[in-house]
Amino acid sequence: EGKEENKEVKKKDWIIGGDKGRKPNIIRSLFLEEGVLEEHNKKLQEKYARIRRLEVKYESIQTD
């Protein structure tokens, strides 16, 4: 016999769906306007390059 869990869940403001009276949130990953896609891709490439520079996945120890 286990405890009953509280099934009540608070609504989150970041949920993608559209509630009544609220504009739906949209995840957008494709930009088709002229120039916008290119700028978006440049920003992403800069972001990924920064991550590669700053985030180390491993440490080399006695690898000679």
PDB file of N, CA and C in Angstrom:
ATOM      1  N   GLU A   1       0.838  -1.186   0.000  1.00  0.00           N
ATOM      2  CA  GLU A   1       0.000   0.000   0.000  1.00  0.00           C
ATOM      3  C   GLU A   1       0.876   1.239   0.000  1.00  0.00           C
ATOM      4  N   GLY A   2       0.871   1.971  -1.073  1.00  0.00           N
ATOM      5  CA  GLY A   2       1.673   3.188  -1.184  1.00  0.00           C
ATOM      6  C   GLY A   2       0.846   4.431  -0.955  1.00  0.00           C
ATOM      7  N   LYS A   3       1.547   5.530  -0.817  1.00  0.00           N
ATOM      8  CA  LYS A   3       0.876   6.819  -0.649  1.00  0.00           C
ATOM      9  C   LYS A   3       0.251   7.247  -1.967  1.00  0.00           C
ATOM     10  N   GLU A   4      -0.834   7.981  -1.865  1.00  0.00           N
ATOM     11  CA  GLU A   4      -1.418   8.580  -3.056  1.00  0.00           C
ATOM     12  C   GLU A   4      -0.604   9.811  -3.408  1.00  0.00           C
ATOM     13  N   GLU A   5      -0.255   9.937  -4.669  1.00  0.00           N
ATOM     14  CA  GLU A   5       0.504  11.105  -5.100  1.00  0.00           C
ATOM     15  C   GLU A   5      -0.445  12.245  -5.420  1.00  0.00           C
ATOM     16  N   ASN A   6       0.044  13.456  -5.217  1.00  0.00           N
ATOM     17  CA  ASN A   6      -0.727  14.634  -5.573  1.00  0.00           C
ATOM     18  C   ASN A   6      -0.708  14.769  -7.090  1.00  0.00           C
ATOM     19  N   LYS A   7      -1.830  14.608  -7.737  1.00  0.00           N
ATOM     20  CA  LYS A   7      -1.914  14.621  -9.199  1.00  0.00           C
ATOM     21  C   LYS A   7      -2.132  16.024  -9.760  1.00  0.00           C
ATOM     22  N   GLU A   8      -2.308  17.023  -8.900  1.00  0.00           N
ATOM     23  CA  GLU A   8      -2.542  18.383  -9.370  1.00  0.00           C
ATOM     24  C   GLU A   8      -1.236  18.969  -9.906  1.00  0.00           C
ATOM     25  N   VAL A   9      -1.290  19.455 -11.130  1.00  0.00           N
ATOM     26  CA  VAL A   9      -0.105  20.014 -11.769  1.00  0.00           C
ATOM     27  C   VAL A   9      -0.381  21.477 -12.096  1.00  0.00           C
ATOM     28  N   LYS A  10       0.548  22.340 -11.695  1.00  0.00           N
ATOM     29  CA  LYS A  10       0.388  23.763 -11.999  1.00  0.00           C
ATOM     30  C   LYS A  10       0.670  23.996 -13.476  1.00  0.00           C
ATOM     31  N   LYS A  11      -0.088  24.904 -14.081  1.00  0.00           N
ATOM     32  CA  LYS A  11       0.132  25.235 -15.488  1.00  0.00           C
ATOM     33  C   LYS A  11       1.400  26.057 -15.627  1.00  0.00           C
ATOM     34  N   LYS A  12       2.163  25.771 -16.644  1.00  0.00           N
ATOM     35  CA  LYS A  12       3.412  26.473 -16.917  1.00  0.00           C
ATOM     36  C   LYS A  12       3.180  27.524 -18.000  1.00  0.00           C
ATOM     37  N   ASP A  13       3.843  28.682 -17.882  1.00  0.00           N
ATOM     38  CA  ASP A  13       3.660  29.734 -18.881  1.00  0.00           C
ATOM     39  C   ASP A  13       4.458  29.470 -20.155  1.00  0.00           C
ATOM     40  N   TRP A  14       5.360  28.481 -20.120  1.00  0.00           N
ATOM     41  CA  TRP A  14       6.193  28.199 -21.284  1.00  0.00           C
ATOM     42  C   TRP A  14       5.655  27.069 -22.149  1.00  0.00           C
ATOM     43  N   ILE A  15       4.518  26.509 -21.802  1.00  0.00           N
ATOM     44  CA  ILE A  15       3.948  25.396 -22.570  1.00  0.00           C
ATOM     45  C   ILE A  15       3.593  25.859 -23.983  1.00  0.00           C
ATOM     46  N   ILE A  16       3.822  25.009 -24.968  1.00  0.00           N
ATOM     47  CA  ILE A  16       3.673  25.380 -26.370  1.00  0.00           C
ATOM     48  C   ILE A  16       2.220  25.518 -26.809  1.00  0.00           C
ATOM     49  N   GLY A  17       1.313  24.748 -26.273  1.00  0.00           N
ATOM     50  CA  GLY A  17      -0.076  24.758 -26.710  1.00  0.00           C
ATOM     51  C   GLY A  17      -0.750  26.108 -26.542  1.00  0.00           C
ATOM     52  N   GLY A  18      -1.963  26.234 -27.029  1.00  0.00           N
ATOM     53  CA  GLY A  18      -2.703  27.487 -26.912  1.00  0.00           C
ATOM     54  C   GLY A  18      -3.861  27.342 -25.940  1.00  0.00           C
ATOM     55  N   ASP A  19      -3.783  27.999 -24.822  1.00  0.00           N
ATOM     56  CA  ASP A  19      -4.895  28.006 -23.877  1.00  0.00           C
ATOM     57  C   ASP A  19      -5.909  29.051 -24.315  1.00  0.00           C
ATOM     58  N   LYS A  20      -7.111  28.911 -23.816  1.00  0.00           N
ATOM     59  CA  LYS A  20      -8.138  29.902 -24.111  1.00  0.00           C
ATOM     60  C   LYS A  20      -7.682  31.258 -23.576  1.00  0.00           C
ATOM     61  N   GLY A  21      -7.821  32.267 -24.411  1.00  0.00           N
ATOM     62  CA  GLY A  21      -7.481  33.616 -23.981  1.00  0.00           C
ATOM     63  C   GLY A  21      -6.000  33.937 -24.033  1.00  0.00           C
ATOM     64  N   ARG A  22      -5.193  33.022 -24.545  1.00  0.00           N
ATOM     65  CA  ARG A  22      -3.752  33.277 -24.622  1.00  0.00           C
ATOM     66  C   ARG A  22      -3.245  32.851 -25.986  1.00  0.00           C
ATOM     67  N   LYS A  23      -2.383  33.673 -26.539  1.00  0.00           N
ATOM     68  CA  LYS A  23      -1.757  33.352 -27.822  1.00  0.00           C
ATOM     69  C   LYS A  23      -0.852  32.135 -27.642  1.00  0.00           C
ATOM     70  N   PRO A  24      -0.871  31.169 -28.584  1.00  0.00           N
ATOM     71  CA  PRO A  24      -0.012  29.988 -28.437  1.00  0.00           C
ATOM     72  C   PRO A  24       1.468  30.336 -28.584  1.00  0.00           C
ATOM     73  N   ASN A  25       2.312  29.677 -27.820  1.00  0.00           N
ATOM     74  CA  ASN A  25       3.756  29.821 -27.968  1.00  0.00           C
ATOM     75  C   ASN A  25       4.184  29.006 -29.179  1.00  0.00           C
ATOM     76  N   ILE A  26       5.135  29.511 -29.920  1.00  0.00           N
ATOM     77  CA  ILE A  26       5.574  28.840 -31.143  1.00  0.00           C
ATOM     78  C   ILE A  26       7.081  28.643 -31.093  1.00  0.00           C
ATOM     79  N   ILE A  27       7.521  27.431 -31.385  1.00  0.00           N
ATOM     80  CA  ILE A  27       8.948  27.162 -31.520  1.00  0.00           C
ATOM     81  C   ILE A  27       9.258  27.288 -33.004  1.00  0.00           C
ATOM     82  N   ARG A  28      10.194  28.145 -33.316  1.00  0.00           N
ATOM     83  CA  ARG A  28      10.482  28.401 -34.725  1.00  0.00           C
ATOM     84  C   ARG A  28      11.933  28.062 -35.011  1.00  0.00           C
ATOM     85  N   SER A  29      12.130  27.146 -35.915  1.00  0.00           N
ATOM     86  CA  SER A  29      13.492  26.761 -36.262  1.00  0.00           C
ATOM     87  C   SER A  29      13.793  26.998 -37.739  1.00  0.00           C
ATOM     88  N   LEU A  30      12.833  27.522 -38.476  1.00  0.00           N
ATOM     89  CA  LEU A  30      13.040  27.775 -39.896  1.00  0.00           C
ATOM     90  C   LEU A  30      12.659  29.219 -40.196  1.00  0.00           C
ATOM     91  N   PHE A  31      13.603  29.976 -40.713  1.00  0.00           N
ATOM     92  CA  PHE A  31      13.381  31.375 -41.041  1.00  0.00           C
ATOM     93  C   PHE A  31      13.532  31.523 -42.553  1.00  0.00           C
ATOM     94  N   LEU A  32      12.450  31.845 -43.245  1.00  0.00           N
ATOM     95  CA  LEU A  32      12.485  31.875 -44.700  1.00  0.00           C
ATOM     96  C   LEU A  32      12.641  33.277 -45.286  1.00  0.00           C
ATOM     97  N   GLU A  33      12.481  34.310 -44.471  1.00  0.00           N
ATOM     98  CA  GLU A  33      12.609  35.661 -45.003  1.00  0.00           C
ATOM     99  C   GLU A  33      14.035  35.888 -45.497  1.00  0.00           C
ATOM    100  N   GLU A  34      14.158  36.661 -46.570  1.00  0.00           N
ATOM    101  CA  GLU A  34      15.464  36.903 -47.183  1.00  0.00           C
ATOM    102  C   GLU A  34      16.434  37.518 -46.176  1.00  0.00           C
ATOM    103  N   GLY A  35      17.601  36.920 -46.043  1.00  0.00           N
ATOM    104  CA  GLY A  35      18.628  37.431 -45.147  1.00  0.00           C
ATOM    105  C   GLY A  35      18.493  36.963 -43.709  1.00  0.00           C
ATOM    106  N   VAL A  36      17.289  36.669 -43.269  1.00  0.00           N
ATOM    107  CA  VAL A  36      17.062  36.283 -41.875  1.00  0.00           C
ATOM    108  C   VAL A  36      17.650  34.907 -41.594  1.00  0.00           C
ATOM    109  N   LEU A  37      17.443  33.971 -42.503  1.00  0.00           N
ATOM    110  CA  LEU A  37      17.980  32.619 -42.326  1.00  0.00           C
ATOM    111  C   LEU A  37      19.500  32.648 -42.253  1.00  0.00           C
ATOM    112  N   GLU A  38      20.120  33.417 -43.136  1.00  0.00           N
ATOM    113  CA  GLU A  38      21.578  33.506 -43.140  1.00  0.00           C
ATOM    114  C   GLU A  38      22.098  34.085 -41.823  1.00  0.00           C
ATOM    115  N   GLU A  39      21.476  35.152 -41.339  1.00  0.00           N
ATOM    116  CA  GLU A  39      21.890  35.760 -40.065  1.00  0.00           C
ATOM    117  C   GLU A  39      21.701  34.788 -38.906  1.00  0.00           C
ATOM    118  N   HIS A  40      20.580  34.077 -38.925  1.00  0.00           N
ATOM    119  CA  HIS A  40      20.307  33.099 -37.872  1.00  0.00           C
ATOM    120  C   HIS A  40      21.375  32.001 -37.880  1.00  0.00           C
ATOM    121  N   ASN A  41      21.725  31.513 -39.067  1.00  0.00           N
ATOM    122  CA  ASN A  41      22.753  30.474 -39.183  1.00  0.00           C
ATOM    123  C   ASN A  41      24.111  30.970 -38.709  1.00  0.00           C
ATOM    124  N   LYS A  42      24.447  32.221 -39.022  1.00  0.00           N
ATOM    125  CA  LYS A  42      25.718  32.794 -38.564  1.00  0.00           C
ATOM    126  C   LYS A  42      25.764  32.847 -37.038  1.00  0.00           C
ATOM    127  N   LYS A  43      24.652  33.272 -36.434  1.00  0.00           N
ATOM    128  CA  LYS A  43      24.594  33.336 -34.963  1.00  0.00           C
ATOM    129  C   LYS A  43      24.754  31.944 -34.357  1.00  0.00           C
ATOM    130  N   LEU A  44      24.107  30.956 -34.966  1.00  0.00           N
ATOM    131  CA  LEU A  44      24.228  29.587 -34.461  1.00  0.00           C
ATOM    132  C   LEU A  44      25.654  29.075 -34.597  1.00  0.00           C
ATOM    133  N   GLN A  45      26.303  29.349 -35.723  1.00  0.00           N
ATOM    134  CA  GLN A  45      27.680  28.900 -35.922  1.00  0.00           C
ATOM    135  C   GLN A  45      28.616  29.541 -34.906  1.00  0.00           C
ATOM    136  N   GLU A  46      28.406  30.838 -34.617  1.00  0.00           N
ATOM    137  CA  GLU A  46      29.210  31.516 -33.592  1.00  0.00           C
ATOM    138  C   GLU A  46      28.971  30.884 -32.220  1.00  0.00           C
ATOM    139  N   LYS A  47      27.720  30.584 -31.938  1.00  0.00           N
ATOM    140  CA  LYS A  47      27.367  29.964 -30.657  1.00  0.00           C
ATOM    141  C   LYS A  47      28.043  28.599 -30.515  1.00  0.00           C
ATOM    142  N   TYR A  48      27.975  27.774 -31.559  1.00  0.00           N
ATOM    143  CA  TYR A  48      28.572  26.439 -31.500  1.00  0.00           C
ATOM    144  C   TYR A  48      30.091  26.507 -31.409  1.00  0.00           C
ATOM    145  N   ALA A  49      30.700  27.470 -32.105  1.00  0.00           N
ATOM    146  CA  ALA A  49      32.155  27.636 -32.025  1.00  0.00           C
ATOM    147  C   ALA A  49      32.562  28.029 -30.607  1.00  0.00           C
ATOM    148  N   ARG A  50      31.793  28.894 -29.992  1.00  0.00           N
ATOM    149  CA  ARG A  50      32.062  29.310 -28.606  1.00  0.00           C
ATOM    150  C   ARG A  50      31.946  28.117 -27.659  1.00  0.00           C
ATOM    151  N   ILE A  51      30.938  27.304 -27.851  1.00  0.00           N
ATOM    152  CA  ILE A  51      30.753  26.117 -27.014  1.00  0.00           C
ATOM    153  C   ILE A  51      31.940  25.172 -27.175  1.00  0.00           C
ATOM    154  N   ARG A  52      32.390  24.960 -28.423  1.00  0.00           N
ATOM    155  CA  ARG A  52      33.543  24.080 -28.659  1.00  0.00           C
ATOM    156  C   ARG A  52      34.794  24.599 -27.952  1.00  0.00           C
ATOM    157  N   ARG A  53      34.975  25.924 -27.945  1.00  0.00           N
ATOM    158  CA  ARG A  53      36.149  26.510 -27.288  1.00  0.00           C
ATOM    159  C   ARG A  53      36.073  26.384 -25.770  1.00  0.00           C
ATOM    160  N   LEU A  54      34.884  26.599 -25.204  1.00  0.00           N
ATOM    161  CA  LEU A  54      34.757  26.735 -23.754  1.00  0.00           C
ATOM    162  C   LEU A  54      34.369  25.461 -23.013  1.00  0.00           C
ATOM    163  N   GLU A  55      33.706  24.546 -23.674  1.00  0.00           N
ATOM    164  CA  GLU A  55      33.229  23.338 -23.006  1.00  0.00           C
ATOM    165  C   GLU A  55      34.167  22.175 -23.307  1.00  0.00           C
ATOM    166  N   VAL A  56      34.837  21.685 -22.297  1.00  0.00           N
ATOM    167  CA  VAL A  56      35.780  20.582 -22.462  1.00  0.00           C
ATOM    168  C   VAL A  56      35.063  19.280 -22.126  1.00  0.00           C
ATOM    169  N   LYS A  57      35.141  18.308 -23.033  1.00  0.00           N
ATOM    170  CA  LYS A  57      34.478  17.024 -22.822  1.00  0.00           C
ATOM    171  C   LYS A  57      35.387  16.010 -22.138  1.00  0.00           C
ATOM    172  N   TYR A  58      36.677  16.259 -22.146  1.00  0.00           N
ATOM    173  CA  TYR A  58      37.603  15.278 -21.590  1.00  0.00           C
ATOM    174  C   TYR A  58      38.854  15.997 -21.109  1.00  0.00           C
ATOM    175  N   GLU A  59      39.640  15.285 -20.364  1.00  0.00           N
ATOM    176  CA  GLU A  59      40.925  15.792 -19.898  1.00  0.00           C
ATOM    177  C   GLU A  59      41.981  14.755 -20.247  1.00  0.00           C
ATOM    178  N   SER A  60      43.034  15.173 -20.924  1.00  0.00           N
ATOM    179  CA  SER A  60      44.118  14.255 -21.286  1.00  0.00           C
ATOM    180  C   SER A  60      45.101  14.150 -20.130  1.00  0.00           C
ATOM    181  N   ILE A  61      45.346  12.927 -19.679  1.00  0.00           N
ATOM    182  CA  ILE A  61      46.296  12.689 -18.586  1.00  0.00           C
ATOM    183  C   ILE A  61      47.271  11.612 -19.041  1.00  0.00           C
ATOM    184  N   GLN A  62      48.544  11.923 -18.994  1.00  0.00           N
ATOM    185  CA  GLN A  62      49.610  10.993 -19.361  1.00  0.00           C
ATOM    186  C   GLN A  62      49.338  10.319 -20.709  1.00  0.00           C
ATOM    187  N   THR A  63      49.138  11.123 -21.727  1.00  0.00           N
ATOM    188  CA  THR A  63      48.833  10.576 -23.052  1.00  0.00           C
ATOM    189  C   THR A  63      50.052  10.485 -23.958  1.00  0.00           C
ATOM    190  N   ASP A  64      51.230  10.782 -23.409  1.00  0.00           N
ATOM    191  CA  ASP A  64      52.456  10.728 -24.219  1.00  0.00           C
ATOM    192  C   ASP A  64      52.826   9.322 -24.596  1.00  0.00           C
TER     193      ASP A  64
END
